[in-house]
Amino acid sequence: MLLLMRAAIVLACAGMTTALHAQQAPYCAQFSDGTSPNCSFATLQQCNASISGVGGVCNLNPATPYQAPPLARYRYQYQQPFNPMAMPPPPPGGM
């Protein structure tokens, strides 16, 4: 009996940690029907997909710290403006 009670407590605690972990995602969906917000979305696209058709709004999760978006993966390469005087002369002998 005691073993069964301990197993029930362990399972209940495991269930609570999963629910708390799900609430730490960066985006929350507040549905238009007034239900409590669902903060289990890793991306804004996932959140928007869940509210499409039923209505609602997606916001940043106020319970998580702000994380800046990742830096762009490209580097800007400076290109000098076109200068016709910098072109090589035409080959000898003309055209």
Protein backbone atom coordinates (compact mmCIF):
# COMPACT_ATOMS: atom_id res chain seq x y z
CA MET A 1 0.00 0.00 0.00
CA LEU A 2 2.80 2.36 0.95
CA LEU A 3 4.63 1.53 -2.28
CA LEU A 4 1.51 2.32 -4.30
CA MET A 5 1.13 5.69 -2.59
CA ARG A 6 4.78 6.58 -3.24
CA ALA A 7 4.41 5.65 -6.89
CA ALA A 8 1.32 7.87 -7.18
CA ILE A 9 3.19 10.82 -5.65
CA VAL A 10 6.15 10.35 -7.98
CA LEU A 11 3.87 10.20 -11.03
CA ALA A 12 1.98 13.30 -9.92
CA CYS A 13 5.23 15.23 -9.49
CA ALA A 14 6.45 14.09 -12.90
CA GLY A 15 3.22 15.32 -14.46
CA MET A 16 3.60 18.74 -12.86
CA THR A 17 7.16 19.23 -14.09
CA THR A 18 6.09 18.44 -17.65
CA ALA A 19 3.32 21.04 -17.45
CA LEU A 20 5.68 23.65 -16.02
CA HIS A 21 8.26 22.92 -18.68
CA ALA A 22 5.64 23.40 -21.41
CA GLN A 23 4.80 26.84 -20.02
CA GLN A 24 8.40 28.05 -20.50
CA ALA A 25 8.19 28.28 -24.31
CA PRO A 26 8.70 31.80 -25.70
CA TYR A 27 5.22 32.29 -27.24
CA CYS A 28 1.70 32.17 -25.78
CA ALA A 29 -1.61 31.88 -27.61
CA GLN A 30 -4.60 33.65 -26.07
CA PHE A 31 -7.66 32.24 -27.78
CA SER A 32 -10.71 34.40 -28.41
CA ASP A 33 -13.01 32.05 -26.47
CA GLY A 34 -11.46 33.27 -23.22
CA THR A 35 -9.64 30.11 -22.18
CA SER A 36 -6.39 30.44 -20.29
CA PRO A 37 -3.32 31.15 -22.43
CA ASN A 38 -1.39 28.26 -23.93
CA CYS A 39 2.34 29.00 -23.61
CA SER A 40 3.77 25.92 -25.29
CA PHE A 41 4.90 27.31 -28.65
CA ALA A 42 8.56 27.43 -29.61
CA THR A 43 8.01 29.70 -32.63
CA LEU A 44 5.60 32.45 -33.57
CA GLN A 45 4.60 30.44 -36.66
CA GLN A 46 3.47 27.52 -34.46
CA CYS A 47 1.42 29.88 -32.32
CA ASN A 48 -0.20 31.56 -35.34
CA ALA A 49 -1.06 28.17 -36.81
CA SER A 50 -2.84 27.15 -33.61
CA ILE A 51 -5.05 30.25 -33.48
CA SER A 52 -5.88 30.30 -37.19
CA GLY A 53 -9.52 29.46 -37.74
CA VAL A 54 -10.53 29.83 -34.09
CA GLY A 55 -9.30 33.36 -33.45
CA GLY A 56 -6.99 34.78 -30.87
CA VAL A 57 -3.65 36.50 -30.52
CA CYS A 58 -0.05 35.37 -30.02
CA ASN A 59 2.26 37.18 -27.62
CA LEU A 60 5.65 36.72 -26.04
CA ASN A 61 5.49 34.63 -22.88
CA PRO A 62 5.84 37.05 -19.95
CA ALA A 63 7.20 34.24 -17.74
CA THR A 64 10.32 33.69 -19.87
CA PRO A 65 13.25 36.09 -20.13
CA TYR A 66 13.61 37.94 -23.42
CA GLN A 67 15.95 36.31 -25.90
CA ALA A 68 17.29 38.35 -28.78
CA PRO A 69 16.78 36.80 -32.22
CA PRO A 70 19.79 34.97 -33.66
CA LEU A 71 22.24 36.95 -35.72
CA ALA A 72 21.91 36.83 -39.48
CA ARG A 73 23.95 34.12 -41.18
CA TYR A 74 25.14 36.30 -44.01
CA ARG A 75 27.80 38.96 -44.05
CA TYR A 76 27.42 42.24 -45.83
CA GLN A 77 29.99 42.58 -48.58
CA TYR A 78 30.84 46.13 -49.56
CA GLN A 79 30.82 46.78 -53.29
CA GLN A 80 32.47 49.85 -54.69
CA PRO A 81 30.36 51.99 -57.00
CA PHE A 82 30.92 51.62 -60.73
CA ASN A 83 33.77 53.82 -62.01
CA PRO A 84 34.19 53.83 -65.82
CA MET A 85 37.69 55.30 -65.49
CA ALA A 86 38.84 52.26 -63.52
CA MET A 87 38.16 49.89 -66.42
CA PRO A 88 41.18 48.54 -68.32
CA PRO A 89 41.90 50.11 -71.70
CA PRO A 90 40.69 48.33 -74.85
CA PRO A 91 43.07 45.81 -76.45
CA PRO A 92 45.57 47.13 -78.99
CA GLY A 93 44.53 46.99 -82.61
CA GLY A 94 41.03 48.34 -81.98
CA MET A 95 37.80 46.63 -82.75
